[in-house]
Amino acid sequence: MKKIIYSIWLLSLFSCDFFPAKQQAEKDIVVAEIDDKKLFLSEISTIFPRGIHKKDSIELLKNYVNTWARKYLIAAKAEMYLDREQKNVMQELEDYRLSLLSYRYENQYVEQKIDTVVNQEEIETFYEQHAEIFPLAMSVVQATYVKVKKDAAGIAAIKRYARSSKEESIRRLDSLCAKVGAVCDFFNDQWVNVNFVTQKTTFEADQCRQVLKENGYLEKTDDRYLYMLTFRAVKKEGEVAPLAHVRNDLIHLIIGKRKRDLIKNLENSAYNEALDYKRLKIYINE
């Protein structure tokens, strides 16, 4: 087993006075050593977050050194036991270097060129073309919830409007509830799942799921109040999600496609330019 030497100058990491600045600059500090391989403080000083506690710094340093040592020792064994062909990694390193450079440049290019503004027409078109990729994992609803005193003025009209999904009825319901101090919640006219509705109302999840299969209306009372819940629209599990429900996902997908298109155009441009200027020569006889 190869000999491992840990010479960890912990105090030097935590005290600016332990080594004078000039001395530190002239002589780097070795924090660990395996055979002739040394790990210097200057190589790892950036691993310590600003303001980290001394005890935490010691643990962080120990963990880093242990990881570094294990990697090096396995690599040393590989040098001993792999044959020459297996140890020849030059092509793989070059492939990785080229991939990393391309990735960094493509990211920089995309950041400079990408347009992240997505208009409604683009969203609707993308949704129509790819609606099948948005199946619902659970039912979603557009709902109306009302909590009103049982003796409130206009209770009959409130009940009638509460059961309706018509826009005019919804406006009148909102106005009537405001006049009598009733709670009226339209959930911001968003599509929400049934669990969210049950969290915001006095109705149980089982009750809500049952009426999804029936008329979409629930009602109950206690000593003082009448509670009403109406599902104005329902999309069930497995159906295509409403556009509004997946709007953010659509925007991300559209921007993602733009990024891929930019990269593809960049690659094609570089390729064609190389052909035009005779930098790229292909010797293939068909």
C-alpha atoms as a PDB file:
ATOM      1  CA  MET A   1       0.000   0.000   0.000  1.00  0.00           C
ATOM      2  CA  LYS A   2       1.395   3.364  -0.939  1.00  0.00           C
ATOM      3  CA  LYS A   3       2.390   5.532   1.982  1.00  0.00           C
ATOM      4  CA  ILE A   4       0.148   8.507   2.697  1.00  0.00           C
ATOM      5  CA  ILE A   5       1.465  11.470   4.637  1.00  0.00           C
ATOM      6  CA  TYR A   6      -0.904  14.131   5.986  1.00  0.00           C
ATOM      7  CA  SER A   7       0.879  17.322   6.976  1.00  0.00           C
ATOM      8  CA  ILE A   8      -2.129  19.540   7.569  1.00  0.00           C
ATOM      9  CA  TRP A   9      -1.327  23.049   8.748  1.00  0.00           C
ATOM     10  CA  LEU A  10      -4.822  23.813   9.947  1.00  0.00           C
ATOM     11  CA  LEU A  11      -3.982  26.972  11.808  1.00  0.00           C
ATOM     12  CA  SER A  12      -2.650  28.551   8.685  1.00  0.00           C
ATOM     13  CA  LEU A  13      -6.130  28.346   7.174  1.00  0.00           C
ATOM     14  CA  PHE A  14      -7.817  30.241   9.944  1.00  0.00           C
ATOM     15  CA  SER A  15      -5.335  32.830  11.149  1.00  0.00           C
ATOM     16  CA  CYS A  16      -3.924  35.569   9.024  1.00  0.00           C
ATOM     17  CA  ASP A  17      -1.129  36.019  11.626  1.00  0.00           C
ATOM     18  CA  PHE A  18       0.076  32.409  11.691  1.00  0.00           C
ATOM     19  CA  PHE A  19       2.254  32.985   8.643  1.00  0.00           C
ATOM     20  CA  PRO A  20       3.256  36.466   7.526  1.00  0.00           C
ATOM     21  CA  ALA A  21       1.884  37.337   4.099  1.00  0.00           C
ATOM     22  CA  LYS A  22       5.377  37.461   2.590  1.00  0.00           C
ATOM     23  CA  GLN A  23       6.257  34.017   3.953  1.00  0.00           C
ATOM     24  CA  GLN A  24       3.019  32.519   2.632  1.00  0.00           C
ATOM     25  CA  ALA A  25       3.669  33.986  -0.800  1.00  0.00           C
ATOM     26  CA  GLU A  26       7.252  32.629  -0.887  1.00  0.00           C
ATOM     27  CA  LYS A  27       6.490  29.154   0.455  1.00  0.00           C
ATOM     28  CA  ASP A  28       3.252  27.359  -0.374  1.00  0.00           C
ATOM     29  CA  ILE A  29       1.920  25.027   2.301  1.00  0.00           C
ATOM     30  CA  VAL A  30       1.605  21.284   1.718  1.00  0.00           C
ATOM     31  CA  VAL A  31      -1.585  19.933   3.294  1.00  0.00           C
ATOM     32  CA  ALA A  32      -1.255  16.310   2.166  1.00  0.00           C
ATOM     33  CA  GLU A  33       1.237  14.092   0.353  1.00  0.00           C
ATOM     34  CA  ILE A  34       1.181  10.693  -1.357  1.00  0.00           C
ATOM     35  CA  ASP A  35       4.597   9.466  -2.516  1.00  0.00           C
ATOM     36  CA  ASP A  36       5.872  12.356  -4.634  1.00  0.00           C
ATOM     37  CA  LYS A  37       2.402  13.832  -5.212  1.00  0.00           C
ATOM     38  CA  LYS A  38       1.690  16.898  -3.070  1.00  0.00           C
ATOM     39  CA  LEU A  39      -1.536  18.814  -2.435  1.00  0.00           C
ATOM     40  CA  PHE A  40      -0.871  22.495  -1.777  1.00  0.00           C
ATOM     41  CA  LEU A  41      -2.980  24.940   0.188  1.00  0.00           C
ATOM     42  CA  SER A  42      -3.057  27.307  -2.789  1.00  0.00           C
ATOM     43  CA  GLU A  43      -4.871  24.616  -4.813  1.00  0.00           C
ATOM     44  CA  ILE A  44      -7.755  24.293  -2.363  1.00  0.00           C
ATOM     45  CA  SER A  45      -8.082  27.639  -0.611  1.00  0.00           C
ATOM     46  CA  THR A  46     -11.250  28.400  -2.590  1.00  0.00           C
ATOM     47  CA  ILE A  47     -13.157  25.472  -1.025  1.00  0.00           C
ATOM     48  CA  PHE A  48     -13.651  27.416   2.217  1.00  0.00           C
ATOM     49  CA  PRO A  49     -16.737  29.674   2.241  1.00  0.00           C
ATOM     50  CA  ARG A  50     -16.225  33.158   3.642  1.00  0.00           C
ATOM     51  CA  GLY A  51     -16.950  33.305   7.368  1.00  0.00           C
ATOM     52  CA  ILE A  52     -16.912  29.523   7.892  1.00  0.00           C
ATOM     53  CA  HIS A  53     -16.407  28.356  11.485  1.00  0.00           C
ATOM     54  CA  LYS A  54     -12.999  26.896  12.333  1.00  0.00           C
ATOM     55  CA  LYS A  55     -14.426  23.497  13.315  1.00  0.00           C
ATOM     56  CA  ASP A  56     -16.412  23.275  10.096  1.00  0.00           C
ATOM     57  CA  SER A  57     -13.308  24.267   8.119  1.00  0.00           C
ATOM     58  CA  ILE A  58     -11.331  21.413   9.650  1.00  0.00           C
ATOM     59  CA  GLU A  59     -14.027  18.901   8.694  1.00  0.00           C
ATOM     60  CA  LEU A  60     -14.248  20.340   5.190  1.00  0.00           C
ATOM     61  CA  LEU A  61     -10.485  20.087   4.779  1.00  0.00           C
ATOM     62  CA  LYS A  62     -10.387  16.500   6.051  1.00  0.00           C
ATOM     63  CA  ASN A  63     -13.145  15.448   3.679  1.00  0.00           C
ATOM     64  CA  TYR A  64     -11.426  17.121   0.720  1.00  0.00           C
ATOM     65  CA  VAL A  65      -8.072  15.512   1.501  1.00  0.00           C
ATOM     66  CA  ASN A  66      -9.646  12.068   1.922  1.00  0.00           C
ATOM     67  CA  THR A  67     -11.436  12.379  -1.421  1.00  0.00           C
ATOM     68  CA  TRP A  68      -8.268  13.626  -3.118  1.00  0.00           C
ATOM     69  CA  ALA A  69      -6.204  10.765  -1.666  1.00  0.00           C
ATOM     70  CA  ARG A  70      -8.688   8.059  -2.688  1.00  0.00           C
ATOM     71  CA  LYS A  71      -8.864   9.331  -6.262  1.00  0.00           C
ATOM     72  CA  TYR A  72      -5.096   9.466  -6.559  1.00  0.00           C
ATOM     73  CA  LEU A  73      -4.577   6.007  -5.046  1.00  0.00           C
ATOM     74  CA  ILE A  74      -7.076   4.372  -7.410  1.00  0.00           C
ATOM     75  CA  ALA A  75      -5.428   6.141 -10.333  1.00  0.00           C
ATOM     76  CA  ALA A  76      -2.043   4.850  -9.124  1.00  0.00           C
ATOM     77  CA  LYS A  77      -3.396   1.292  -9.057  1.00  0.00           C
ATOM     78  CA  ALA A  78      -4.746   1.780 -12.565  1.00  0.00           C
ATOM     79  CA  GLU A  79      -1.246   2.762 -13.697  1.00  0.00           C
ATOM     80  CA  MET A  80       0.037  -0.516 -12.245  1.00  0.00           C
ATOM     81  CA  TYR A  81      -2.584  -2.945 -13.505  1.00  0.00           C
ATOM     82  CA  LEU A  82      -3.976  -1.582 -16.781  1.00  0.00           C
ATOM     83  CA  ASP A  83      -2.203  -2.394 -20.019  1.00  0.00           C
ATOM     84  CA  ARG A  84      -0.749   0.267 -22.308  1.00  0.00           C
ATOM     85  CA  GLU A  85      -3.793   0.454 -24.547  1.00  0.00           C
ATOM     86  CA  GLN A  86      -6.157   0.829 -21.593  1.00  0.00           C
ATOM     87  CA  LYS A  87      -4.017   3.606 -20.137  1.00  0.00           C
ATOM     88  CA  ASN A  88      -3.947   5.578 -23.386  1.00  0.00           C
ATOM     89  CA  VAL A  89      -6.606   8.193 -22.712  1.00  0.00           C
ATOM     90  CA  MET A  90      -5.307  10.935 -24.983  1.00  0.00           C
ATOM     91  CA  GLN A  91      -8.149  10.619 -27.502  1.00  0.00           C
ATOM     92  CA  GLU A  92     -10.769  10.592 -24.749  1.00  0.00           C
ATOM     93  CA  LEU A  93      -9.188  13.640 -23.138  1.00  0.00           C
ATOM     94  CA  GLU A  94      -9.159  15.447 -26.479  1.00  0.00           C
ATOM     95  CA  ASP A  95     -12.798  14.522 -27.108  1.00  0.00           C
ATOM     96  CA  TYR A  96     -13.712  15.790 -23.653  1.00  0.00           C
ATOM     97  CA  ARG A  97     -11.714  19.008 -24.180  1.00  0.00           C
ATOM     98  CA  LEU A  98     -13.477  19.689 -27.470  1.00  0.00           C
ATOM     99  CA  SER A  99     -16.886  18.915 -25.962  1.00  0.00           C
ATOM    100  CA  LEU A 100     -16.235  21.203 -22.993  1.00  0.00           C
ATOM    101  CA  LEU A 101     -15.029  24.065 -25.189  1.00  0.00           C
ATOM    102  CA  SER A 102     -18.015  23.661 -27.516  1.00  0.00           C
ATOM    103  CA  TYR A 103     -20.416  23.558 -24.574  1.00  0.00           C
ATOM    104  CA  ARG A 104     -18.994  26.737 -23.058  1.00  0.00           C
ATOM    105  CA  TYR A 105     -19.011  28.638 -26.331  1.00  0.00           C
ATOM    106  CA  GLU A 106     -22.527  27.474 -27.228  1.00  0.00           C
ATOM    107  CA  ASN A 107     -23.801  28.634 -23.831  1.00  0.00           C
ATOM    108  CA  GLN A 108     -22.148  32.025 -24.293  1.00  0.00           C
ATOM    109  CA  TYR A 109     -23.534  32.317 -27.831  1.00  0.00           C
ATOM    110  CA  VAL A 110     -27.052  31.364 -26.741  1.00  0.00           C
ATOM    111  CA  GLU A 111     -27.019  33.825 -23.829  1.00  0.00           C
ATOM    112  CA  GLN A 112     -26.093  36.625 -26.232  1.00  0.00           C
ATOM    113  CA  LYS A 113     -28.606  35.701 -28.946  1.00  0.00           C
ATOM    114  CA  ILE A 114     -31.614  34.133 -27.232  1.00  0.00           C
ATOM    115  CA  ASP A 115     -34.947  35.932 -27.231  1.00  0.00           C
ATOM    116  CA  THR A 116     -36.843  34.932 -24.084  1.00  0.00           C
ATOM    117  CA  VAL A 117     -40.046  36.834 -24.907  1.00  0.00           C
ATOM    118  CA  VAL A 118     -42.816  34.398 -25.874  1.00  0.00           C
ATOM    119  CA  ASN A 119     -46.110  35.809 -27.126  1.00  0.00           C
ATOM    120  CA  GLN A 120     -49.561  34.283 -26.709  1.00  0.00           C
ATOM    121  CA  GLU A 121     -49.835  33.213 -30.342  1.00  0.00           C
ATOM    122  CA  GLU A 122     -46.629  31.158 -30.076  1.00  0.00           C
ATOM    123  CA  ILE A 123     -47.880  29.540 -26.879  1.00  0.00           C
ATOM    124  CA  GLU A 124     -51.200  28.584 -28.442  1.00  0.00           C
ATOM    125  CA  THR A 125     -49.600  27.239 -31.610  1.00  0.00           C
ATOM    126  CA  PHE A 126     -47.095  25.133 -29.680  1.00  0.00           C
ATOM    127  CA  TYR A 127     -49.891  23.815 -27.436  1.00  0.00           C
ATOM    128  CA  GLU A 128     -52.035  22.822 -30.416  1.00  0.00           C
ATOM    129  CA  GLN A 129     -49.133  21.001 -32.037  1.00  0.00           C
ATOM    130  CA  HIS A 130     -47.987  19.185 -28.891  1.00  0.00           C
ATOM    131  CA  ALA A 131     -51.088  18.909 -26.692  1.00  0.00           C
ATOM    132  CA  GLU A 132     -50.662  15.127 -26.371  1.00  0.00           C
ATOM    133  CA  ILE A 133     -47.510  15.549 -24.272  1.00  0.00           C
ATOM    134  CA  PHE A 134     -49.476  17.238 -21.487  1.00  0.00           C
ATOM    135  CA  PRO A 135     -51.688  14.539 -19.913  1.00  0.00           C
ATOM    136  CA  LEU A 136     -53.002  15.422 -16.464  1.00  0.00           C
ATOM    137  CA  ALA A 137     -51.603  13.448 -13.530  1.00  0.00           C
ATOM    138  CA  MET A 138     -54.708  14.362 -11.515  1.00  0.00           C
ATOM    139  CA  SER A 139     -58.013  16.092 -12.087  1.00  0.00           C
ATOM    140  CA  VAL A 140     -58.064  19.874 -12.211  1.00  0.00           C
ATOM    141  CA  VAL A 141     -61.034  22.206 -11.876  1.00  0.00           C
ATOM    142  CA  GLN A 142     -62.182  25.781 -12.124  1.00  0.00           C
ATOM    143  CA  ALA A 143     -64.239  26.319  -8.998  1.00  0.00           C
ATOM    144  CA  THR A 144     -66.435  28.746  -7.082  1.00  0.00           C
ATOM    145  CA  TYR A 145     -66.598  28.630  -3.279  1.00  0.00           C
ATOM    146  CA  VAL A 146     -69.092  30.620  -1.203  1.00  0.00           C
ATOM    147  CA  LYS A 147     -69.486  30.948   2.551  1.00  0.00           C
ATOM    148  CA  VAL A 148     -72.519  33.048   3.468  1.00  0.00           C
ATOM    149  CA  LYS A 149     -74.718  33.527   6.546  1.00  0.00           C
ATOM    150  CA  LYS A 150     -77.890  31.485   6.257  1.00  0.00           C
ATOM    151  CA  ASP A 151     -80.066  34.542   6.929  1.00  0.00           C
ATOM    152  CA  ALA A 152     -78.199  36.855   4.537  1.00  0.00           C
ATOM    153  CA  ALA A 153     -80.229  39.106   2.242  1.00  0.00           C
ATOM    154  CA  GLY A 154     -80.530  37.738  -1.295  1.00  0.00           C
ATOM    155  CA  ILE A 155     -79.562  34.210  -0.269  1.00  0.00           C
ATOM    156  CA  ALA A 156     -81.759  32.675  -2.973  1.00  0.00           C
ATOM    157  CA  ALA A 157     -80.027  34.680  -5.711  1.00  0.00           C
ATOM    158  CA  ILE A 158     -76.613  33.865  -4.252  1.00  0.00           C
ATOM    159  CA  LYS A 159     -77.432  30.148  -4.381  1.00  0.00           C
ATOM    160  CA  ARG A 160     -78.638  30.448  -7.953  1.00  0.00           C
ATOM    161  CA  TYR A 161     -75.612  32.353  -9.183  1.00  0.00           C
ATOM    162  CA  ALA A 162     -73.217  30.142  -7.231  1.00  0.00           C
ATOM    163  CA  ARG A 163     -74.317  27.091  -9.228  1.00  0.00           C
ATOM    164  CA  SER A 164     -73.770  28.785 -12.567  1.00  0.00           C
ATOM    165  CA  SER A 165     -70.623  28.841 -14.694  1.00  0.00           C
ATOM    166  CA  LYS A 166     -71.795  31.742 -16.863  1.00  0.00           C
ATOM    167  CA  GLU A 167     -69.621  34.843 -16.778  1.00  0.00           C
ATOM    168  CA  GLU A 168     -72.550  37.177 -16.047  1.00  0.00           C
ATOM    169  CA  SER A 169     -73.699  35.007 -13.129  1.00  0.00           C
ATOM    170  CA  ILE A 170     -70.195  34.962 -11.707  1.00  0.00           C
ATOM    171  CA  ARG A 171     -70.032  38.781 -11.807  1.00  0.00           C
ATOM    172  CA  ARG A 172     -73.406  39.092 -10.064  1.00  0.00           C
ATOM    173  CA  LEU A 173     -72.421  36.529  -7.456  1.00  0.00           C
ATOM    174  CA  ASP A 174     -69.235  38.424  -6.671  1.00  0.00           C
ATOM    175  CA  SER A 175     -71.194  41.679  -6.321  1.00  0.00           C
ATOM    176  CA  LEU A 176     -73.908  40.156  -4.082  1.00  0.00           C
ATOM    177  CA  CYS A 177     -71.375  38.465  -1.814  1.00  0.00           C
ATOM    178  CA  ALA A 178     -69.486  41.732  -1.389  1.00  0.00           C
ATOM    179  CA  LYS A 179     -72.695  43.496  -0.340  1.00  0.00           C
ATOM    180  CA  VAL A 180     -73.586  40.967   2.383  1.00  0.00           C
ATOM    181  CA  GLY A 181     -70.022  40.291   3.574  1.00  0.00           C
ATOM    182  CA  ALA A 182     -69.928  36.727   2.287  1.00  0.00           C
ATOM    183  CA  VAL A 183     -66.759  34.860   1.310  1.00  0.00           C
ATOM    184  CA  CYS A 184     -66.575  34.300  -2.431  1.00  0.00           C
ATOM    185  CA  ASP A 185     -63.505  32.638  -3.904  1.00  0.00           C
ATOM    186  CA  PHE A 186     -62.991  31.938  -7.617  1.00  0.00           C
ATOM    187  CA  PHE A 187     -59.397  30.709  -7.096  1.00  0.00           C
ATOM    188  CA  ASN A 188     -58.172  33.503  -9.389  1.00  0.00           C
ATOM    189  CA  ASP A 189     -59.984  31.760 -12.252  1.00  0.00           C
ATOM    190  CA  GLN A 190     -57.083  29.305 -12.396  1.00  0.00           C
ATOM    191  CA  TRP A 191     -57.175  25.571 -12.974  1.00  0.00           C
ATOM    192  CA  VAL A 192     -56.370  23.964  -9.625  1.00  0.00           C
ATOM    193  CA  ASN A 193     -56.275  20.375  -8.414  1.00  0.00           C
ATOM    194  CA  VAL A 194     -58.911  18.963  -6.100  1.00  0.00           C
ATOM    195  CA  ASN A 195     -56.507  18.693  -3.169  1.00  0.00           C
ATOM    196  CA  PHE A 196     -55.882  22.428  -3.339  1.00  0.00           C
ATOM    197  CA  VAL A 197     -59.639  23.083  -3.295  1.00  0.00           C
ATOM    198  CA  THR A 198     -60.134  20.944  -0.190  1.00  0.00           C
ATOM    199  CA  GLN A 199     -57.322  22.798   1.600  1.00  0.00           C
ATOM    200  CA  LYS A 200     -59.018  26.142   0.926  1.00  0.00           C
ATOM    201  CA  THR A 201     -62.607  25.110   1.705  1.00  0.00           C
ATOM    202  CA  THR A 202     -64.642  23.210   4.289  1.00  0.00           C
ATOM    203  CA  PHE A 203     -65.314  20.276   1.955  1.00  0.00           C
ATOM    204  CA  GLU A 204     -63.585  16.892   2.118  1.00  0.00           C
ATOM    205  CA  ALA A 205     -61.549  15.440  -0.743  1.00  0.00           C
ATOM    206  CA  ASP A 206     -63.859  12.430  -1.088  1.00  0.00           C
ATOM    207  CA  GLN A 207     -66.884  14.709  -1.415  1.00  0.00           C
ATOM    208  CA  CYS A 208     -65.170  16.723  -4.119  1.00  0.00           C
ATOM    209  CA  ARG A 209     -64.082  13.675  -6.090  1.00  0.00           C
ATOM    210  CA  GLN A 210     -67.600  12.270  -5.970  1.00  0.00           C
ATOM    211  CA  VAL A 211     -69.258  15.342  -7.459  1.00  0.00           C
ATOM    212  CA  LEU A 212     -66.663  15.419 -10.219  1.00  0.00           C
ATOM    213  CA  LYS A 213     -68.555  12.417 -11.565  1.00  0.00           C
ATOM    214  CA  GLU A 214     -71.961  13.966 -11.018  1.00  0.00           C
ATOM    215  CA  ASN A 215     -73.300  17.534 -11.206  1.00  0.00           C
ATOM    216  CA  GLY A 216     -70.253  19.351  -9.869  1.00  0.00           C
ATOM    217  CA  TYR A 217     -72.050  21.064  -6.956  1.00  0.00           C
ATOM    218  CA  LEU A 218     -71.665  20.664  -3.192  1.00  0.00           C
ATOM    219  CA  GLU A 219     -73.629  22.323  -0.397  1.00  0.00           C
ATOM    220  CA  LYS A 220     -73.693  22.065   3.385  1.00  0.00           C
ATOM    221  CA  THR A 221     -74.660  24.127   6.426  1.00  0.00           C
ATOM    222  CA  ASP A 222     -73.835  24.544  10.077  1.00  0.00           C
ATOM    223  CA  ASP A 223     -75.503  26.654  12.778  1.00  0.00           C
ATOM    224  CA  ARG A 224     -74.651  29.959  11.092  1.00  0.00           C
ATOM    225  CA  TYR A 225     -73.399  29.484   7.559  1.00  0.00           C
ATOM    226  CA  LEU A 226     -74.236  27.996   4.196  1.00  0.00           C
ATOM    227  CA  TYR A 227     -71.265  26.619   2.249  1.00  0.00           C
ATOM    228  CA  MET A 228     -71.355  26.072  -1.502  1.00  0.00           C
ATOM    229  CA  LEU A 229     -68.763  24.689  -3.890  1.00  0.00           C
ATOM    230  CA  THR A 230     -69.277  24.543  -7.642  1.00  0.00           C
ATOM    231  CA  PHE A 231     -66.906  23.027 -10.195  1.00  0.00           C
ATOM    232  CA  ARG A 232     -67.525  25.268 -13.191  1.00  0.00           C
ATOM    233  CA  ALA A 233     -65.224  23.208 -15.426  1.00  0.00           C
ATOM    234  CA  VAL A 234     -63.455  19.884 -14.960  1.00  0.00           C
ATOM    235  CA  LYS A 235     -60.526  18.158 -16.659  1.00  0.00           C
ATOM    236  CA  LYS A 236     -60.002  14.636 -15.420  1.00  0.00           C
ATOM    237  CA  GLU A 237     -56.848  12.621 -14.888  1.00  0.00           C
ATOM    238  CA  GLY A 238     -55.399  11.446 -18.188  1.00  0.00           C
ATOM    239  CA  GLU A 239     -57.064  14.159 -20.261  1.00  0.00           C
ATOM    240  CA  VAL A 240     -55.019  16.851 -21.974  1.00  0.00           C
ATOM    241  CA  ALA A 241     -54.175  19.611 -19.525  1.00  0.00           C
ATOM    242  CA  PRO A 242     -55.763  23.022 -20.196  1.00  0.00           C
ATOM    243  CA  LEU A 243     -53.421  25.499 -21.820  1.00  0.00           C
ATOM    244  CA  ALA A 244     -53.546  27.885 -18.852  1.00  0.00           C
ATOM    245  CA  HIS A 245     -52.549  25.064 -16.509  1.00  0.00           C
ATOM    246  CA  VAL A 246     -49.336  24.314 -18.439  1.00  0.00           C
ATOM    247  CA  ARG A 247     -48.542  27.820 -19.673  1.00  0.00           C
ATOM    248  CA  ASN A 248     -45.186  28.048 -17.847  1.00  0.00           C
ATOM    249  CA  ASP A 249     -44.165  24.622 -19.131  1.00  0.00           C
ATOM    250  CA  LEU A 250     -45.016  25.721 -22.667  1.00  0.00           C
ATOM    251  CA  ILE A 251     -42.864  28.834 -22.342  1.00  0.00           C
ATOM    252  CA  HIS A 252     -39.899  26.784 -21.101  1.00  0.00           C
ATOM    253  CA  LEU A 253     -40.285  24.318 -23.958  1.00  0.00           C
ATOM    254  CA  ILE A 254     -40.491  27.080 -26.565  1.00  0.00           C
ATOM    255  CA  ILE A 255     -37.369  28.777 -25.206  1.00  0.00           C
ATOM    256  CA  GLY A 256     -35.640  25.400 -25.059  1.00  0.00           C
ATOM    257  CA  LYS A 257     -36.425  24.830 -28.740  1.00  0.00           C
ATOM    258  CA  ARG A 258     -35.062  28.271 -29.562  1.00  0.00           C
ATOM    259  CA  LYS A 259     -31.816  27.383 -27.807  1.00  0.00           C
ATOM    260  CA  ARG A 260     -31.503  24.138 -29.736  1.00  0.00           C
ATOM    261  CA  ASP A 261     -32.221  25.944 -33.005  1.00  0.00           C
ATOM    262  CA  LEU A 262     -29.579  28.581 -32.250  1.00  0.00           C
ATOM    263  CA  ILE A 263     -26.969  25.900 -31.554  1.00  0.00           C
ATOM    264  CA  LYS A 264     -27.904  23.981 -34.693  1.00  0.00           C
ATOM    265  CA  ASN A 265     -27.661  27.152 -36.780  1.00  0.00           C
ATOM    266  CA  LEU A 266     -24.294  27.957 -35.197  1.00  0.00           C
ATOM    267  CA  GLU A 267     -22.971  24.500 -36.076  1.00  0.00           C
ATOM    268  CA  ASN A 268     -24.276  24.712 -39.654  1.00  0.00           C
ATOM    269  CA  SER A 269     -22.836  28.197 -40.097  1.00  0.00           C
ATOM    270  CA  ALA A 270     -19.393  27.128 -38.854  1.00  0.00           C
ATOM    271  CA  TYR A 271     -19.473  24.032 -41.070  1.00  0.00           C
ATOM    272  CA  ASN A 272     -20.516  25.880 -44.229  1.00  0.00           C
ATOM    273  CA  GLU A 273     -18.023  28.677 -43.580  1.00  0.00           C
ATOM    274  CA  ALA A 274     -15.226  26.123 -43.290  1.00  0.00           C
ATOM    275  CA  LEU A 275     -16.264  24.598 -46.613  1.00  0.00           C
ATOM    276  CA  ASP A 276     -16.478  27.996 -48.326  1.00  0.00           C
ATOM    277  CA  TYR A 277     -13.009  29.027 -47.190  1.00  0.00           C
ATOM    278  CA  LYS A 278     -11.494  25.591 -47.949  1.00  0.00           C
ATOM    279  CA  ARG A 279     -10.618  25.051 -44.281  1.00  0.00           C
ATOM    280  CA  LEU A 280     -12.604  21.828 -44.304  1.00  0.00           C
ATOM    281  CA  LYS A 281     -11.666  19.241 -46.910  1.00  0.00           C
ATOM    282  CA  ILE A 282     -13.432  15.907 -47.092  1.00  0.00           C
ATOM    283  CA  TYR A 283     -11.803  13.060 -49.002  1.00  0.00           C
ATOM    284  CA  ILE A 284     -14.585  10.563 -49.544  1.00  0.00           C
ATOM    285  CA  ASN A 285     -15.214   8.919 -52.881  1.00  0.00           C
ATOM    286  CA  GLU A 286     -18.763   7.719 -53.278  1.00  0.00           C
END
